[in-house]
Amino acid sequence: MIVCTAVSTPLSSCRQPATCNLQVFKNFKEHRSFRPPFAATGIHGGALLGVRSAECITFYDWETGALVRRIDEAPKVGGV
């Protein structure tokens, strides 16, 4: 799965390969790679990088990779 943000310049995107690592790209070059402390079930783009698991959702800063917020609630994903 790949998500991106149009908020930052240059363009940033994140890829969730089959492993548990997340790869963040800037201008299509790998900028950083990290493994969240839980099994990620999905990622979401926007002003912050959202990483979803079965029991929480966390938001990371695109540039630094710093944890901004963790919400300990099982996220429900539905159609809009």
N, C-alpha and C. Protein backbone atom coordinates (compact mmCIF):
# COMPACT_ATOMS: atom_id res chain seq x y z
N MET A 1 0.84 -1.16 0.00
CA MET A 1 0.00 0.00 0.00
C MET A 1 0.89 1.24 0.00
N ILE A 2 0.52 2.24 -0.76
CA ILE A 2 1.27 3.49 -0.84
C ILE A 2 0.32 4.65 -0.55
N VAL A 3 0.77 5.58 0.30
CA VAL A 3 0.02 6.81 0.57
C VAL A 3 0.97 7.98 0.42
N CYS A 4 0.43 9.18 0.24
CA CYS A 4 1.30 10.35 0.10
C CYS A 4 0.65 11.57 0.73
N THR A 5 1.44 12.63 0.82
CA THR A 5 0.96 13.90 1.32
C THR A 5 1.33 14.99 0.33
N ALA A 6 0.44 15.92 0.14
CA ALA A 6 0.71 17.07 -0.72
C ALA A 6 1.05 18.28 0.14
N VAL A 7 1.09 18.10 1.46
CA VAL A 7 1.34 19.20 2.38
C VAL A 7 2.80 19.62 2.34
N SER A 8 3.71 18.66 2.23
CA SER A 8 5.13 18.99 2.28
C SER A 8 5.68 19.18 0.87
N THR A 9 6.75 19.94 0.80
CA THR A 9 7.47 20.10 -0.45
C THR A 9 8.90 19.72 -0.15
N PRO A 10 9.50 18.82 -0.81
CA PRO A 10 9.03 18.04 -1.94
C PRO A 10 8.04 16.96 -1.53
N LEU A 11 7.45 16.32 -2.53
CA LEU A 11 6.43 15.30 -2.33
C LEU A 11 6.97 14.18 -1.45
N SER A 12 6.20 13.81 -0.43
CA SER A 12 6.55 12.69 0.44
C SER A 12 5.52 11.59 0.26
N SER A 13 5.98 10.35 0.31
CA SER A 13 5.08 9.21 0.22
C SER A 13 5.58 8.14 1.17
N CYS A 14 4.70 7.19 1.48
CA CYS A 14 5.06 6.09 2.38
C CYS A 14 4.57 4.80 1.77
N ARG A 15 5.38 3.76 1.91
CA ARG A 15 5.03 2.45 1.37
C ARG A 15 5.07 1.44 2.49
N GLN A 16 4.06 0.57 2.52
CA GLN A 16 4.03 -0.52 3.47
C GLN A 16 4.23 -1.81 2.70
N PRO A 17 5.48 -2.31 2.67
CA PRO A 17 5.70 -3.58 1.98
C PRO A 17 5.12 -4.74 2.79
N ALA A 18 5.35 -5.95 2.34
CA ALA A 18 4.80 -7.13 3.01
C ALA A 18 5.35 -7.31 4.42
N THR A 19 6.55 -6.78 4.68
CA THR A 19 7.11 -6.86 6.03
C THR A 19 6.51 -5.78 6.90
N CYS A 20 6.92 -5.73 8.15
CA CYS A 20 6.36 -4.75 9.10
C CYS A 20 7.03 -3.39 9.01
N ASN A 21 8.07 -3.25 8.20
CA ASN A 21 8.74 -1.95 8.07
C ASN A 21 7.90 -1.00 7.23
N LEU A 22 8.01 0.29 7.53
CA LEU A 22 7.40 1.34 6.71
C LEU A 22 8.53 2.13 6.07
N GLN A 23 8.40 2.44 4.79
CA GLN A 23 9.42 3.19 4.07
C GLN A 23 8.83 4.53 3.66
N VAL A 24 9.52 5.61 4.04
CA VAL A 24 9.09 6.96 3.69
C VAL A 24 10.02 7.47 2.60
N PHE A 25 9.42 7.99 1.52
CA PHE A 25 10.18 8.48 0.38
C PHE A 25 9.99 9.98 0.22
N LYS A 26 11.03 10.66 -0.24
CA LYS A 26 10.97 12.07 -0.64
C LYS A 26 11.50 12.15 -2.06
N ASN A 27 10.71 12.74 -2.94
CA ASN A 27 11.09 12.82 -4.35
C ASN A 27 11.49 11.45 -4.89
N PHE A 28 10.74 10.42 -4.51
CA PHE A 28 10.90 9.06 -5.01
C PHE A 28 12.20 8.39 -4.58
N LYS A 29 12.90 8.96 -3.57
CA LYS A 29 14.09 8.34 -3.00
C LYS A 29 13.79 8.04 -1.54
N GLU A 30 14.25 6.88 -1.05
CA GLU A 30 13.96 6.51 0.33
C GLU A 30 14.59 7.51 1.29
N HIS A 31 13.76 8.07 2.15
CA HIS A 31 14.18 9.08 3.13
C HIS A 31 14.44 8.44 4.48
N ARG A 32 13.59 7.52 4.88
CA ARG A 32 13.74 6.81 6.15
C ARG A 32 12.92 5.53 6.11
N SER A 33 13.28 4.63 6.99
CA SER A 33 12.55 3.38 7.13
C SER A 33 12.44 3.11 8.62
N PHE A 34 11.27 2.69 9.08
CA PHE A 34 11.12 2.39 10.49
C PHE A 34 10.08 1.30 10.68
N ARG A 35 10.14 0.67 11.84
CA ARG A 35 9.21 -0.39 12.19
C ARG A 35 8.40 0.09 13.39
N PRO A 36 7.09 0.24 13.23
CA PRO A 36 6.27 0.64 14.37
C PRO A 36 6.28 -0.47 15.44
N PRO A 37 6.02 -0.12 16.70
CA PRO A 37 6.08 -1.11 17.78
C PRO A 37 4.86 -2.03 17.84
N PHE A 38 4.14 -2.17 16.74
CA PHE A 38 2.97 -3.03 16.66
C PHE A 38 2.82 -3.48 15.22
N ALA A 39 1.96 -4.44 14.98
CA ALA A 39 1.72 -4.93 13.63
C ALA A 39 0.78 -3.97 12.91
N ALA A 40 1.29 -3.27 11.91
CA ALA A 40 0.50 -2.30 11.16
C ALA A 40 -0.44 -3.02 10.21
N THR A 41 -1.72 -2.64 10.24
CA THR A 41 -2.69 -3.24 9.33
C THR A 41 -3.04 -2.30 8.19
N GLY A 42 -2.60 -1.05 8.27
CA GLY A 42 -2.88 -0.10 7.20
C GLY A 42 -2.18 1.22 7.45
N ILE A 43 -2.04 2.01 6.39
CA ILE A 43 -1.45 3.35 6.51
C ILE A 43 -2.37 4.35 5.82
N HIS A 44 -2.30 5.60 6.27
CA HIS A 44 -3.17 6.66 5.75
C HIS A 44 -2.34 7.93 5.55
N GLY A 45 -2.51 8.59 4.42
CA GLY A 45 -1.80 9.81 4.13
C GLY A 45 -2.56 11.03 4.59
N GLY A 46 -1.90 12.17 4.56
CA GLY A 46 -2.50 13.44 4.97
C GLY A 46 -1.42 14.33 5.52
N ALA A 47 -1.79 15.29 6.36
CA ALA A 47 -0.81 16.17 6.97
C ALA A 47 0.15 15.37 7.85
N LEU A 48 -0.35 14.30 8.47
CA LEU A 48 0.48 13.37 9.24
C LEU A 48 0.34 11.98 8.63
N LEU A 49 1.32 11.14 8.87
CA LEU A 49 1.27 9.75 8.42
C LEU A 49 0.53 8.94 9.46
N GLY A 50 -0.61 8.37 9.11
CA GLY A 50 -1.38 7.56 10.03
C GLY A 50 -1.06 6.09 9.83
N VAL A 51 -0.79 5.40 10.94
CA VAL A 51 -0.49 3.97 10.90
C VAL A 51 -1.51 3.28 11.79
N ARG A 52 -2.28 2.37 11.20
CA ARG A 52 -3.39 1.71 11.88
C ARG A 52 -2.98 0.30 12.30
N SER A 53 -3.47 -0.12 13.47
CA SER A 53 -3.32 -1.50 13.92
C SER A 53 -4.67 -1.97 14.43
N ALA A 54 -4.73 -3.18 14.94
CA ALA A 54 -6.00 -3.71 15.44
C ALA A 54 -6.46 -3.00 16.71
N GLU A 55 -5.53 -2.42 17.47
CA GLU A 55 -5.93 -1.80 18.73
C GLU A 55 -5.71 -0.30 18.84
N CYS A 56 -5.03 0.32 17.86
CA CYS A 56 -4.80 1.77 17.95
C CYS A 56 -4.50 2.35 16.57
N ILE A 57 -4.43 3.67 16.54
CA ILE A 57 -3.93 4.38 15.37
C ILE A 57 -2.92 5.40 15.86
N THR A 58 -1.79 5.49 15.18
CA THR A 58 -0.75 6.43 15.56
C THR A 58 -0.50 7.38 14.39
N PHE A 59 -0.06 8.59 14.73
CA PHE A 59 0.23 9.61 13.72
C PHE A 59 1.68 10.03 13.86
N TYR A 60 2.40 10.03 12.74
CA TYR A 60 3.82 10.38 12.71
C TYR A 60 4.04 11.60 11.83
N ASP A 61 5.07 12.37 12.17
CA ASP A 61 5.50 13.50 11.34
C ASP A 61 6.21 12.94 10.11
N TRP A 62 5.85 13.43 8.94
CA TRP A 62 6.45 12.94 7.70
C TRP A 62 7.95 13.20 7.66
N GLU A 63 8.37 14.37 8.10
CA GLU A 63 9.77 14.79 7.96
C GLU A 63 10.69 14.09 8.95
N THR A 64 10.31 14.08 10.22
CA THR A 64 11.20 13.56 11.26
C THR A 64 10.90 12.12 11.66
N GLY A 65 9.70 11.65 11.39
CA GLY A 65 9.30 10.32 11.81
C GLY A 65 8.92 10.25 13.28
N ALA A 66 8.82 11.41 13.93
CA ALA A 66 8.49 11.47 15.35
C ALA A 66 7.01 11.15 15.57
N LEU A 67 6.73 10.43 16.63
CA LEU A 67 5.35 10.12 17.02
C LEU A 67 4.68 11.40 17.48
N VAL A 68 3.55 11.73 16.88
CA VAL A 68 2.80 12.94 17.24
C VAL A 68 1.66 12.60 18.18
N ARG A 69 0.94 11.53 17.89
CA ARG A 69 -0.23 11.18 18.70
C ARG A 69 -0.54 9.70 18.54
N ARG A 70 -0.95 9.08 19.63
CA ARG A 70 -1.42 7.69 19.60
C ARG A 70 -2.81 7.67 20.22
N ILE A 71 -3.75 7.07 19.52
CA ILE A 71 -5.12 6.94 20.02
C ILE A 71 -5.38 5.46 20.22
N ASP A 72 -5.57 5.08 21.48
CA ASP A 72 -5.78 3.66 21.82
C ASP A 72 -7.26 3.30 21.69
N GLU A 73 -7.66 3.10 20.48
CA GLU A 73 -9.04 2.72 20.18
C GLU A 73 -8.98 1.92 18.89
N ALA A 74 -9.76 0.90 18.81
CA ALA A 74 -9.77 0.10 17.59
C ALA A 74 -10.39 0.92 16.47
N PRO A 75 -9.60 1.34 15.47
CA PRO A 75 -10.15 2.15 14.38
C PRO A 75 -11.09 1.34 13.49
N LYS A 76 -12.16 1.96 13.07
CA LYS A 76 -13.09 1.33 12.14
C LYS A 76 -12.94 2.01 10.80
N VAL A 77 -12.70 1.22 9.79
CA VAL A 77 -12.52 1.76 8.44
C VAL A 77 -13.75 1.38 7.65
N GLY A 78 -14.40 2.39 7.10
CA GLY A 78 -15.60 2.14 6.31
C GLY A 78 -15.59 2.97 5.05
N GLY A 79 -16.49 2.68 4.16
CA GLY A 79 -16.58 3.45 2.93
C GLY A 79 -17.14 4.84 3.19
N VAL A 80 -16.71 5.76 2.38
CA VAL A 80 -17.16 7.14 2.54
C VAL A 80 -18.17 7.45 1.46
